[in-house]
Amino acid sequence: MPVTNPHYPVGRYNEPAMVTPAQRAAWLDDVAGAPAAMRAAISGLSPAQLDTPYRDGGWTVRQVVHHVPDSHMNAYVRFKLALTEDVPVIKPYDQARWAELPDSAATPIEVSLALLEALHARWVRLMRAMSPSDFARRFRHPEHDRIFTLDGTLGLYAWHGRHHVAHITALRERNGW
């Protein structure tokens, strides 16, 4: 099936009003599988292909590979804050500026792939030990001026991994890589 929107190749994330145990389990599986999916998506790409934007005006594949663990590290910290504090206010970050920092250009992608694998090993272990009431815990995001639950955040990051893997796989499909 061809991708019709290169910005959102798997569609936008729509948080459900209620998260079922089955949905939570599926999302956990998505997060657990994200590192392997990312590794498979970039397998065999040349340095020139890694430096190709996934869409006009978009990040390069290399920047996407470095962005995902950056983003998921922030999510992991948000989970830990919400589990240990009462509705903490989290620290936003400028993901576009992070993607422009020198480490995104100079660090081999294997470093970020290994980081993503290690991070997800910890994060998934934490989430699989959480109770339904733990997933109802919340944090405040000052940039969005709203409160997020860990359930909704799990869904967002399950989507986020699929979203960025699809950026890469759609580019590969379009370019015949």
N, C-alpha and C. Protein backbone atom coordinates (compact mmCIF):
# COMPACT_ATOMS: atom_id res chain seq x y z
N MET A 1 0.85 -1.18 0.00
CA MET A 1 0.00 0.00 0.00
C MET A 1 0.89 1.24 0.00
N PRO A 2 0.74 2.14 -0.96
CA PRO A 2 1.59 3.33 -1.01
C PRO A 2 1.26 4.31 0.11
N VAL A 3 2.29 4.98 0.57
CA VAL A 3 2.12 6.00 1.61
C VAL A 3 1.58 7.26 0.94
N THR A 4 0.48 7.78 1.46
CA THR A 4 -0.11 8.98 0.86
C THR A 4 0.34 10.25 1.57
N ASN A 5 0.76 10.15 2.81
CA ASN A 5 1.20 11.32 3.55
C ASN A 5 2.60 11.07 4.09
N PRO A 6 3.64 11.63 3.47
CA PRO A 6 5.00 11.36 3.94
C PRO A 6 5.29 11.91 5.34
N HIS A 7 4.49 12.87 5.81
CA HIS A 7 4.66 13.35 7.18
C HIS A 7 4.18 12.30 8.18
N TYR A 8 3.07 11.66 7.88
CA TYR A 8 2.44 10.71 8.80
C TYR A 8 2.13 9.40 8.07
N PRO A 9 3.16 8.61 7.77
CA PRO A 9 2.95 7.41 6.97
C PRO A 9 2.08 6.34 7.63
N VAL A 10 1.95 6.37 8.94
CA VAL A 10 1.06 5.42 9.62
C VAL A 10 -0.16 6.15 10.20
N GLY A 11 -0.38 7.38 9.74
CA GLY A 11 -1.46 8.21 10.28
C GLY A 11 -1.00 8.91 11.55
N ARG A 12 -1.84 9.80 12.02
CA ARG A 12 -1.55 10.50 13.28
C ARG A 12 -1.95 9.64 14.47
N TYR A 13 -1.34 9.90 15.60
CA TYR A 13 -1.73 9.21 16.83
C TYR A 13 -3.03 9.80 17.34
N ASN A 14 -3.99 8.94 17.60
CA ASN A 14 -5.26 9.34 18.20
C ASN A 14 -5.43 8.56 19.48
N GLU A 15 -5.30 9.26 20.59
CA GLU A 15 -5.41 8.60 21.90
C GLU A 15 -6.85 8.17 22.14
N PRO A 16 -7.07 6.91 22.45
CA PRO A 16 -8.43 6.47 22.74
C PRO A 16 -8.92 7.03 24.09
N ALA A 17 -10.21 7.15 24.23
CA ALA A 17 -10.79 7.65 25.48
C ALA A 17 -10.50 6.68 26.62
N MET A 18 -10.46 5.40 26.31
CA MET A 18 -10.19 4.37 27.32
C MET A 18 -9.23 3.36 26.71
N VAL A 19 -8.25 2.95 27.49
CA VAL A 19 -7.28 1.96 27.04
C VAL A 19 -7.63 0.62 27.67
N THR A 20 -7.81 -0.38 26.84
CA THR A 20 -8.12 -1.72 27.33
C THR A 20 -6.83 -2.46 27.65
N PRO A 21 -6.91 -3.49 28.47
CA PRO A 21 -5.71 -4.29 28.71
C PRO A 21 -5.12 -4.86 27.42
N ALA A 22 -5.96 -5.25 26.47
CA ALA A 22 -5.46 -5.79 25.20
C ALA A 22 -4.72 -4.71 24.41
N GLN A 23 -5.25 -3.48 24.40
CA GLN A 23 -4.58 -2.39 23.70
C GLN A 23 -3.24 -2.08 24.35
N ARG A 24 -3.22 -2.05 25.67
CA ARG A 24 -1.97 -1.79 26.40
C ARG A 24 -0.94 -2.87 26.07
N ALA A 25 -1.36 -4.12 26.04
CA ALA A 25 -0.44 -5.22 25.73
C ALA A 25 0.10 -5.09 24.30
N ALA A 26 -0.75 -4.71 23.37
CA ALA A 26 -0.30 -4.52 21.98
C ALA A 26 0.70 -3.37 21.90
N TRP A 27 0.42 -2.29 22.60
CA TRP A 27 1.35 -1.15 22.60
C TRP A 27 2.70 -1.54 23.22
N LEU A 28 2.65 -2.30 24.30
CA LEU A 28 3.90 -2.77 24.92
C LEU A 28 4.69 -3.61 23.93
N ASP A 29 4.01 -4.46 23.18
CA ASP A 29 4.69 -5.26 22.16
C ASP A 29 5.30 -4.36 21.08
N ASP A 30 4.57 -3.31 20.70
CA ASP A 30 5.12 -2.36 19.72
C ASP A 30 6.39 -1.71 20.24
N VAL A 31 6.37 -1.25 21.48
CA VAL A 31 7.56 -0.61 22.06
C VAL A 31 8.69 -1.63 22.16
N ALA A 32 8.38 -2.84 22.59
CA ALA A 32 9.41 -3.87 22.71
C ALA A 32 10.04 -4.18 21.35
N GLY A 33 9.25 -4.14 20.30
CA GLY A 33 9.74 -4.48 18.97
C GLY A 33 10.35 -3.32 18.20
N ALA A 34 10.24 -2.11 18.71
CA ALA A 34 10.72 -0.94 17.98
C ALA A 34 12.21 -0.99 17.65
N PRO A 35 13.10 -1.38 18.58
CA PRO A 35 14.52 -1.41 18.22
C PRO A 35 14.82 -2.37 17.05
N ALA A 36 14.23 -3.55 17.06
CA ALA A 36 14.47 -4.50 15.97
C ALA A 36 13.88 -3.97 14.67
N ALA A 37 12.72 -3.32 14.75
CA ALA A 37 12.10 -2.75 13.54
C ALA A 37 12.96 -1.64 12.96
N MET A 38 13.53 -0.81 13.83
CA MET A 38 14.41 0.26 13.35
C MET A 38 15.66 -0.34 12.72
N ARG A 39 16.25 -1.32 13.37
CA ARG A 39 17.46 -1.95 12.84
C ARG A 39 17.17 -2.57 11.46
N ALA A 40 16.03 -3.23 11.33
CA ALA A 40 15.67 -3.84 10.04
C ALA A 40 15.43 -2.77 8.98
N ALA A 41 14.82 -1.66 9.37
CA ALA A 41 14.50 -0.59 8.41
C ALA A 41 15.75 0.01 7.80
N ILE A 42 16.84 0.09 8.55
CA ILE A 42 18.05 0.74 8.03
C ILE A 42 19.09 -0.26 7.53
N SER A 43 18.79 -1.53 7.66
CA SER A 43 19.74 -2.57 7.27
C SER A 43 20.20 -2.40 5.83
N GLY A 44 21.51 -2.40 5.64
CA GLY A 44 22.08 -2.35 4.31
C GLY A 44 22.13 -0.98 3.66
N LEU A 45 21.70 0.05 4.35
CA LEU A 45 21.74 1.39 3.75
C LEU A 45 23.18 1.91 3.71
N SER A 46 23.51 2.58 2.65
CA SER A 46 24.84 3.18 2.49
C SER A 46 24.90 4.50 3.27
N PRO A 47 26.09 5.04 3.49
CA PRO A 47 26.18 6.36 4.12
C PRO A 47 25.39 7.43 3.36
N ALA A 48 25.43 7.40 2.05
CA ALA A 48 24.67 8.38 1.26
C ALA A 48 23.17 8.21 1.47
N GLN A 49 22.71 6.97 1.56
CA GLN A 49 21.28 6.73 1.80
C GLN A 49 20.90 7.18 3.20
N LEU A 50 21.77 6.96 4.19
CA LEU A 50 21.50 7.42 5.55
C LEU A 50 21.40 8.94 5.63
N ASP A 51 22.08 9.62 4.71
CA ASP A 51 22.05 11.08 4.70
C ASP A 51 21.00 11.65 3.75
N THR A 52 20.05 10.82 3.35
CA THR A 52 18.95 11.23 2.49
C THR A 52 17.75 11.61 3.36
N PRO A 53 17.13 12.76 3.14
CA PRO A 53 15.91 13.09 3.88
C PRO A 53 14.79 12.11 3.52
N TYR A 54 14.00 11.75 4.52
CA TYR A 54 12.92 10.80 4.28
C TYR A 54 11.76 11.43 3.50
N ARG A 55 11.73 12.77 3.47
CA ARG A 55 10.74 13.52 2.68
C ARG A 55 11.33 14.89 2.42
N ASP A 56 10.75 15.63 1.48
CA ASP A 56 11.19 17.00 1.23
C ASP A 56 11.06 17.81 2.52
N GLY A 57 12.15 18.45 2.92
CA GLY A 57 12.14 19.26 4.13
C GLY A 57 12.23 18.46 5.41
N GLY A 58 12.37 17.15 5.32
CA GLY A 58 12.41 16.32 6.51
C GLY A 58 13.83 16.01 6.94
N TRP A 59 13.93 15.32 8.05
CA TRP A 59 15.22 14.89 8.56
C TRP A 59 15.80 13.82 7.66
N THR A 60 17.11 13.64 7.77
CA THR A 60 17.74 12.51 7.09
C THR A 60 17.43 11.23 7.86
N VAL A 61 17.64 10.11 7.20
CA VAL A 61 17.47 8.83 7.88
C VAL A 61 18.37 8.78 9.11
N ARG A 62 19.59 9.26 8.98
CA ARG A 62 20.53 9.28 10.11
C ARG A 62 19.94 10.07 11.28
N GLN A 63 19.38 11.23 11.00
CA GLN A 63 18.79 12.05 12.07
C GLN A 63 17.61 11.33 12.71
N VAL A 64 16.82 10.64 11.92
CA VAL A 64 15.69 9.89 12.47
C VAL A 64 16.19 8.80 13.41
N VAL A 65 17.22 8.07 12.98
CA VAL A 65 17.77 7.00 13.81
C VAL A 65 18.27 7.55 15.15
N HIS A 66 18.89 8.72 15.14
CA HIS A 66 19.36 9.32 16.39
C HIS A 66 18.21 9.94 17.19
N HIS A 67 17.20 10.44 16.50
CA HIS A 67 16.06 11.08 17.17
C HIS A 67 15.26 10.10 18.03
N VAL A 68 15.04 8.90 17.53
CA VAL A 68 14.15 7.98 18.25
C VAL A 68 14.66 7.68 19.66
N PRO A 69 15.92 7.32 19.88
CA PRO A 69 16.33 7.12 21.27
C PRO A 69 16.33 8.43 22.07
N ASP A 70 16.63 9.56 21.44
CA ASP A 70 16.53 10.84 22.16
C ASP A 70 15.12 11.02 22.70
N SER A 71 14.14 10.83 21.84
CA SER A 71 12.75 11.01 22.22
C SER A 71 12.31 9.98 23.26
N HIS A 72 12.70 8.73 23.04
CA HIS A 72 12.25 7.67 23.95
C HIS A 72 12.94 7.76 25.30
N MET A 73 14.16 8.32 25.35
CA MET A 73 14.79 8.57 26.66
C MET A 73 13.97 9.57 27.45
N ASN A 74 13.50 10.60 26.77
CA ASN A 74 12.65 11.59 27.44
C ASN A 74 11.37 10.93 27.95
N ALA A 75 10.79 10.06 27.15
CA ALA A 75 9.56 9.37 27.58
C ALA A 75 9.84 8.47 28.79
N TYR A 76 10.94 7.76 28.76
CA TYR A 76 11.31 6.88 29.88
C TYR A 76 11.43 7.69 31.17
N VAL A 77 12.09 8.84 31.09
CA VAL A 77 12.23 9.69 32.27
C VAL A 77 10.86 10.19 32.72
N ARG A 78 10.01 10.53 31.78
CA ARG A 78 8.65 10.99 32.14
C ARG A 78 7.87 9.89 32.85
N PHE A 79 8.03 8.66 32.41
CA PHE A 79 7.40 7.53 33.11
C PHE A 79 7.90 7.45 34.54
N LYS A 80 9.20 7.52 34.70
CA LYS A 80 9.77 7.38 36.05
C LYS A 80 9.34 8.54 36.95
N LEU A 81 9.29 9.74 36.40
CA LEU A 81 8.82 10.88 37.18
C LEU A 81 7.36 10.68 37.60
N ALA A 82 6.52 10.28 36.66
CA ALA A 82 5.10 10.11 36.97
C ALA A 82 4.88 8.98 37.97
N LEU A 83 5.73 7.98 37.95
CA LEU A 83 5.59 6.86 38.90
C LEU A 83 6.09 7.20 40.30
N THR A 84 6.89 8.25 40.41
CA THR A 84 7.50 8.55 41.71
C THR A 84 7.10 9.90 42.28
N GLU A 85 6.36 10.70 41.50
CA GLU A 85 5.92 12.01 41.96
C GLU A 85 4.44 12.18 41.63
N ASP A 86 3.80 13.12 42.30
CA ASP A 86 2.39 13.38 42.08
C ASP A 86 2.22 14.43 40.98
N VAL A 87 1.83 13.99 39.80
CA VAL A 87 1.60 14.83 38.62
C VAL A 87 2.76 15.83 38.42
N PRO A 88 3.96 15.30 38.19
CA PRO A 88 5.10 16.20 37.99
C PRO A 88 4.96 17.00 36.70
N VAL A 89 5.59 18.15 36.69
CA VAL A 89 5.71 18.95 35.47
C VAL A 89 6.99 18.49 34.80
N ILE A 90 6.88 18.02 33.56
CA ILE A 90 8.06 17.51 32.87
C ILE A 90 8.76 18.63 32.13
N LYS A 91 9.98 18.34 31.71
CA LYS A 91 10.79 19.30 30.96
C LYS A 91 10.64 19.01 29.48
N PRO A 92 10.08 19.94 28.72
CA PRO A 92 10.04 19.76 27.26
C PRO A 92 11.44 19.92 26.67
N TYR A 93 11.59 19.51 25.43
CA TYR A 93 12.86 19.72 24.73
C TYR A 93 12.55 20.03 23.27
N ASP A 94 13.46 20.68 22.61
CA ASP A 94 13.27 21.08 21.22
C ASP A 94 13.87 20.00 20.32
N GLN A 95 13.03 19.07 19.88
CA GLN A 95 13.52 17.93 19.13
C GLN A 95 14.18 18.33 17.81
N ALA A 96 13.71 19.36 17.17
CA ALA A 96 14.32 19.81 15.92
C ALA A 96 15.74 20.31 16.16
N ARG A 97 15.94 21.05 17.25
CA ARG A 97 17.29 21.54 17.55
C ARG A 97 18.20 20.40 17.99
N TRP A 98 17.64 19.42 18.71
CA TRP A 98 18.44 18.26 19.10
C TRP A 98 18.94 17.53 17.85
N ALA A 99 18.07 17.41 16.84
CA ALA A 99 18.44 16.70 15.61
C ALA A 99 19.55 17.41 14.84
N GLU A 100 19.75 18.70 15.11
CA GLU A 100 20.78 19.47 14.42
C GLU A 100 22.11 19.49 15.18
N LEU A 101 22.13 18.95 16.40
CA LEU A 101 23.37 18.96 17.18
C LEU A 101 24.43 18.06 16.51
N PRO A 102 25.71 18.35 16.76
CA PRO A 102 26.78 17.62 16.07
C PRO A 102 26.76 16.11 16.27
N ASP A 103 26.25 15.64 17.41
CA ASP A 103 26.25 14.19 17.62
C ASP A 103 25.34 13.46 16.63
N SER A 104 24.32 14.14 16.11
CA SER A 104 23.45 13.50 15.12
C SER A 104 24.16 13.28 13.80
N ALA A 105 25.13 14.08 13.48
CA ALA A 105 25.87 13.92 12.24
C ALA A 105 27.12 13.05 12.42
N ALA A 106 27.74 13.13 13.61
CA ALA A 106 29.05 12.51 13.80
C ALA A 106 29.02 11.14 14.46
N THR A 107 27.94 10.80 15.13
CA THR A 107 27.89 9.53 15.85
C THR A 107 27.45 8.41 14.90
N PRO A 108 28.16 7.30 14.88
CA PRO A 108 27.71 6.18 14.06
C PRO A 108 26.31 5.74 14.50
N ILE A 109 25.47 5.37 13.54
CA ILE A 109 24.09 4.99 13.89
C ILE A 109 24.05 3.77 14.79
N GLU A 110 25.08 2.92 14.74
CA GLU A 110 25.10 1.75 15.60
C GLU A 110 25.02 2.14 17.07
N VAL A 111 25.61 3.28 17.42
CA VAL A 111 25.56 3.76 18.81
C VAL A 111 24.11 4.01 19.22
N SER A 112 23.35 4.68 18.35
CA SER A 112 21.95 4.97 18.68
C SER A 112 21.08 3.72 18.62
N LEU A 113 21.41 2.79 17.74
CA LEU A 113 20.66 1.52 17.70
C LEU A 113 20.88 0.74 19.00
N ALA A 114 22.13 0.69 19.47
CA ALA A 114 22.44 0.00 20.73
C ALA A 114 21.78 0.72 21.91
N LEU A 115 21.80 2.05 21.88
CA LEU A 115 21.15 2.84 22.93
C LEU A 115 19.65 2.54 22.95
N LEU A 116 19.02 2.51 21.78
CA LEU A 116 17.59 2.23 21.71
C LEU A 116 17.29 0.83 22.26
N GLU A 117 18.11 -0.14 21.91
CA GLU A 117 17.90 -1.51 22.42
C GLU A 117 18.03 -1.56 23.94
N ALA A 118 19.06 -0.94 24.48
CA ALA A 118 19.26 -0.95 25.93
C ALA A 118 18.15 -0.19 26.65
N LEU A 119 17.81 0.97 26.11
CA LEU A 119 16.75 1.78 26.71
C LEU A 119 15.43 1.01 26.73
N HIS A 120 15.08 0.41 25.61
CA HIS A 120 13.81 -0.32 25.54
C HIS A 120 13.82 -1.55 26.44
N ALA A 121 14.97 -2.18 26.62
CA ALA A 121 15.06 -3.31 27.55
C ALA A 121 14.66 -2.87 28.96
N ARG A 122 15.15 -1.70 29.38
CA ARG A 122 14.80 -1.17 30.70
C ARG A 122 13.35 -0.71 30.75
N TRP A 123 12.95 0.07 29.73
CA TRP A 123 11.62 0.69 29.73
C TRP A 123 10.52 -0.38 29.66
N VAL A 124 10.70 -1.35 28.80
CA VAL A 124 9.69 -2.41 28.67
C VAL A 124 9.63 -3.23 29.96
N ARG A 125 10.77 -3.51 30.56
CA ARG A 125 10.77 -4.25 31.84
C ARG A 125 9.97 -3.47 32.89
N LEU A 126 10.20 -2.16 32.94
CA LEU A 126 9.45 -1.32 33.87
C LEU A 126 7.95 -1.39 33.57
N MET A 127 7.59 -1.19 32.31
CA MET A 127 6.16 -1.14 31.97
C MET A 127 5.47 -2.47 32.17
N ARG A 128 6.16 -3.58 31.90
CA ARG A 128 5.52 -4.90 32.10
C ARG A 128 5.28 -5.18 33.58
N ALA A 129 5.99 -4.49 34.46
CA ALA A 129 5.80 -4.66 35.91
C ALA A 129 4.75 -3.69 36.47
N MET A 130 4.27 -2.77 35.64
CA MET A 130 3.32 -1.76 36.12
C MET A 130 1.90 -2.32 36.20
N SER A 131 1.15 -1.82 37.16
CA SER A 131 -0.26 -2.19 37.33
C SER A 131 -1.14 -1.24 36.51
N PRO A 132 -2.40 -1.61 36.30
CA PRO A 132 -3.29 -0.67 35.62
C PRO A 132 -3.35 0.70 36.31
N SER A 133 -3.30 0.72 37.63
CA SER A 133 -3.32 2.02 38.32
C SER A 133 -2.04 2.80 38.07
N ASP A 134 -0.93 2.11 37.87
CA ASP A 134 0.31 2.80 37.52
C ASP A 134 0.16 3.49 36.16
N PHE A 135 -0.49 2.82 35.21
CA PHE A 135 -0.67 3.42 33.88
C PHE A 135 -1.64 4.61 33.93
N ALA A 136 -2.42 4.73 34.98
CA ALA A 136 -3.31 5.88 35.15
C ALA A 136 -2.59 7.09 35.74
N ARG A 137 -1.36 6.89 36.19
CA ARG A 137 -0.59 8.01 36.75
C ARG A 137 -0.35 9.04 35.67
N ARG A 138 -0.09 10.28 36.10
CA ARG A 138 -0.09 11.39 35.15
C ARG A 138 1.11 12.31 35.34
N PHE A 139 1.36 13.09 34.28
CA PHE A 139 2.33 14.18 34.35
C PHE A 139 1.77 15.35 33.55
N ARG A 140 2.28 16.54 33.88
CA ARG A 140 1.85 17.75 33.16
C ARG A 140 2.94 18.12 32.16
N HIS A 141 2.50 18.38 30.93
CA HIS A 141 3.41 18.83 29.88
C HIS A 141 3.16 20.33 29.69
N PRO A 142 4.10 21.20 30.13
CA PRO A 142 3.84 22.64 30.08
C PRO A 142 3.74 23.20 28.66
N GLU A 143 4.40 22.58 27.71
CA GLU A 143 4.36 23.06 26.34
C GLU A 143 2.96 22.88 25.72
N HIS A 144 2.29 21.80 26.12
CA HIS A 144 0.93 21.51 25.62
C HIS A 144 -0.15 21.96 26.61
N ASP A 145 0.29 22.39 27.78
CA ASP A 145 -0.61 22.83 28.85
C ASP A 145 -1.72 21.81 29.10
N ARG A 146 -1.29 20.56 29.24
CA ARG A 146 -2.26 19.52 29.56
C ARG A 146 -1.61 18.41 30.35
N ILE A 147 -2.44 17.57 30.90
CA ILE A 147 -1.99 16.43 31.68
C ILE A 147 -2.10 15.19 30.81
N PHE A 148 -1.04 14.38 30.84
CA PHE A 148 -0.99 13.12 30.10
C PHE A 148 -1.00 11.96 31.08
N THR A 149 -1.67 10.88 30.72
CA THR A 149 -1.57 9.64 31.50
C THR A 149 -0.43 8.80 30.93
N LEU A 150 0.05 7.87 31.72
CA LEU A 150 1.07 6.96 31.20
C LEU A 150 0.47 6.02 30.17
N ASP A 151 -0.80 5.66 30.30
CA ASP A 151 -1.47 4.87 29.26
C ASP A 151 -1.40 5.58 27.91
N GLY A 152 -1.82 6.84 27.89
CA GLY A 152 -1.80 7.60 26.64
C GLY A 152 -0.40 7.80 26.12
N THR A 153 0.55 7.97 27.03
CA THR A 153 1.94 8.15 26.64
C THR A 153 2.51 6.86 26.06
N LEU A 154 2.14 5.72 26.63
CA LEU A 154 2.55 4.44 26.06
C LEU A 154 2.04 4.34 24.62
N GLY A 155 0.78 4.66 24.41
CA GLY A 155 0.23 4.61 23.05
C GLY A 155 0.95 5.54 22.10
N LEU A 156 1.26 6.73 22.58
CA LEU A 156 1.96 7.71 21.74
C LEU A 156 3.33 7.17 21.31
N TYR A 157 4.06 6.57 22.24
CA TYR A 157 5.40 6.10 21.90
C TYR A 157 5.38 4.77 21.14
N ALA A 158 4.35 3.97 21.30
CA ALA A 158 4.19 2.80 20.43
C ALA A 158 4.00 3.29 19.00
N TRP A 159 3.15 4.31 18.85
CA TRP A 159 2.94 4.94 17.54
C TRP A 159 4.23 5.58 17.03
N HIS A 160 4.95 6.28 17.89
CA HIS A 160 6.14 7.03 17.50
C HIS A 160 7.19 6.12 16.85
N GLY A 161 7.42 4.97 17.44
CA GLY A 161 8.38 4.03 16.85
C GLY A 161 7.93 3.57 15.47
N ARG A 162 6.66 3.18 15.34
CA ARG A 162 6.12 2.75 14.04
C ARG A 162 6.19 3.89 13.03
N HIS A 163 5.88 5.09 13.47
CA HIS A 163 5.87 6.30 12.64
C HIS A 163 7.24 6.53 11.99
N HIS A 164 8.30 6.49 12.78
CA HIS A 164 9.62 6.77 12.24
C HIS A 164 10.19 5.59 11.44
N VAL A 165 9.89 4.38 11.83
CA VAL A 165 10.29 3.24 11.01
C VAL A 165 9.61 3.35 9.64
N ALA A 166 8.35 3.75 9.62
CA ALA A 166 7.63 3.90 8.35
C ALA A 166 8.20 5.04 7.51
N HIS A 167 8.73 6.08 8.14
CA HIS A 167 9.41 7.13 7.35
C HIS A 167 10.53 6.50 6.53
N ILE A 168 11.29 5.63 7.16
CA ILE A 168 12.45 5.02 6.50
C ILE A 168 12.00 3.98 5.47
N THR A 169 11.08 3.13 5.85
CA THR A 169 10.66 2.07 4.91
C THR A 169 9.92 2.66 3.72
N ALA A 170 9.19 3.73 3.91
CA ALA A 170 8.50 4.38 2.78
C ALA A 170 9.52 5.02 1.84
N LEU A 171 10.56 5.63 2.41
CA LEU A 171 11.63 6.20 1.58
C LEU A 171 12.31 5.09 0.78
N ARG A 172 12.60 3.97 1.42
CA ARG A 172 13.23 2.85 0.72
C ARG A 172 12.34 2.37 -0.42
N GLU A 173 11.06 2.28 -0.16
CA GLU A 173 10.13 1.82 -1.20
C GLU A 173 10.08 2.80 -2.36
N ARG A 174 9.96 4.10 -2.05
CA ARG A 174 9.90 5.12 -3.10
C ARG A 174 11.15 5.12 -3.96
N ASN A 175 12.31 4.91 -3.32
CA ASN A 175 13.59 4.99 -4.03
C ASN A 175 14.08 3.63 -4.53
N GLY A 176 13.32 2.58 -4.27
CA GLY A 176 13.73 1.25 -4.75
C GLY A 176 14.97 0.72 -4.06
N TRP A 177 15.18 1.07 -2.80
CA TRP A 177 16.36 0.60 -2.06
C TRP A 177 16.08 -0.75 -1.44
